[in-house]
C-alpha atoms as a PDB file:
ATOM      1  CA  ASP A   1      62.857  56.767 -25.581  1.00  0.00           C
ATOM      2  CA  LYS A   2      63.019  56.972 -21.779  1.00  0.00           C
ATOM      3  CA  ARG A   3      66.086  54.751 -21.458  1.00  0.00           C
ATOM      4  CA  ARG A   4      68.043  56.926 -23.873  1.00  0.00           C
ATOM      5  CA  ARG A   5      67.114  60.101 -21.946  1.00  0.00           C
ATOM      6  CA  LEU A   6      68.083  58.504 -18.616  1.00  0.00           C
ATOM      7  CA  SER A   7      71.399  57.332 -20.068  1.00  0.00           C
ATOM      8  CA  LYS A   8      72.149  60.810 -21.415  1.00  0.00           C
ATOM      9  CA  LEU A   9      71.244  62.392 -18.075  1.00  0.00           C
ATOM     10  CA  ALA A  10      73.413  59.921 -16.124  1.00  0.00           C
ATOM     11  CA  LEU A  11      76.403  60.419 -18.417  1.00  0.00           C
ATOM     12  CA  GLY A  12      75.971  64.196 -18.145  1.00  0.00           C
ATOM     13  CA  TYR A  13      75.917  63.922 -14.352  1.00  0.00           C
ATOM     14  CA  LEU A  14      79.090  61.819 -14.327  1.00  0.00           C
ATOM     15  CA  ALA A  15      80.830  64.305 -16.645  1.00  0.00           C
ATOM     16  CA  HIS A  16      79.680  67.291 -14.543  1.00  0.00           C
ATOM     17  CA  ARG A  17      81.030  65.641 -11.379  1.00  0.00           C
ATOM     18  CA  ARG A  18      84.241  64.719 -13.253  1.00  0.00           C
ATOM     19  CA  ILE A  19      83.715  61.034 -12.507  1.00  0.00           C
ATOM     20  CA  LYS A  20      85.738  59.024 -15.028  1.00  0.00           C
ATOM     21  CA  ASP A  21      86.488  55.375 -15.696  1.00  0.00           C
ATOM     22  CA  THR A  22      83.439  54.049 -13.884  1.00  0.00           C
ATOM     23  CA  ASN A  23      80.591  51.794 -14.863  1.00  0.00           C
ATOM     24  CA  CYS A  24      77.025  53.061 -14.963  1.00  0.00           C
ATOM     25  CA  ARG A  25      74.162  50.811 -13.857  1.00  0.00           C
ATOM     26  CA  PHE A  26      70.418  51.441 -13.893  1.00  0.00           C
ATOM     27  CA  ASP A  27      68.351  49.903 -11.117  1.00  0.00           C
ATOM     28  CA  VAL A  28      64.552  50.150 -11.056  1.00  0.00           C
ATOM     29  CA  VAL A  29      62.336  50.058  -7.971  1.00  0.00           C
ATOM     30  CA  GLY A  30      58.657  49.145  -8.287  1.00  0.00           C
ATOM     31  CA  ILE A  31      56.314  49.890  -5.386  1.00  0.00           C
ATOM     32  CA  LEU A  32      52.821  48.384  -5.194  1.00  0.00           C
ATOM     33  CA  MET A  33      50.490  50.267  -2.876  1.00  0.00           C
ATOM     34  CA  ASP A  34      47.377  48.947  -1.119  1.00  0.00           C
ATOM     35  CA  ASN A  35      44.129  50.202  -2.712  1.00  0.00           C
ATOM     36  CA  LYS A  36      42.578  51.222   0.602  1.00  0.00           C
ATOM     37  CA  LYS A  37      42.399  54.827   1.824  1.00  0.00           C
ATOM     38  CA  VAL A  38      45.350  54.254   4.149  1.00  0.00           C
ATOM     39  CA  ARG A  39      48.528  54.371   2.090  1.00  0.00           C
ATOM     40  CA  LYS A  40      50.295  51.131   2.805  1.00  0.00           C
ATOM     41  CA  VAL A  41      53.081  49.518   0.809  1.00  0.00           C
ATOM     42  CA  LYS A  42      52.000  46.073  -0.325  1.00  0.00           C
ATOM     43  CA  HIS A  43      55.110  44.997  -2.237  1.00  0.00           C
ATOM     44  CA  ILE A  44      58.514  46.408  -3.223  1.00  0.00           C
ATOM     45  CA  GLU A  45      60.536  44.968  -6.089  1.00  0.00           C
ATOM     46  CA  LEU A  46      64.125  45.895  -6.963  1.00  0.00           C
ATOM     47  CA  ILE A  47      65.415  45.107 -10.440  1.00  0.00           C
ATOM     48  CA  LYS A  48      69.183  45.505 -10.444  1.00  0.00           C
ATOM     49  CA  ASN A  49      70.815  46.379 -13.756  1.00  0.00           C
ATOM     50  CA  ALA A  50      67.348  46.717 -15.319  1.00  0.00           C
ATOM     51  CA  PHE A  51      68.667  47.968 -18.651  1.00  0.00           C
ATOM     52  CA  PRO A  52      72.033  48.740 -20.217  1.00  0.00           C
ATOM     53  CA  GLU A  53      73.380  52.186 -20.990  1.00  0.00           C
ATOM     54  CA  VAL A  54      71.857  53.368 -24.278  1.00  0.00           C
ATOM     55  CA  PRO A  55      74.130  55.440 -26.557  1.00  0.00           C
END
């Protein structure tokens, strides 16, 4: 499951950087592009705390 892999990666990063006693939060950014040939951003959505840490 993608969430489990992301959680494991994030916890590994925190351990590697020796960052302790901190909360971990997963934000997700969705970007909707215009369908025309010119690449233009139509909409950006930020979902803060999109999912909890998965053990």
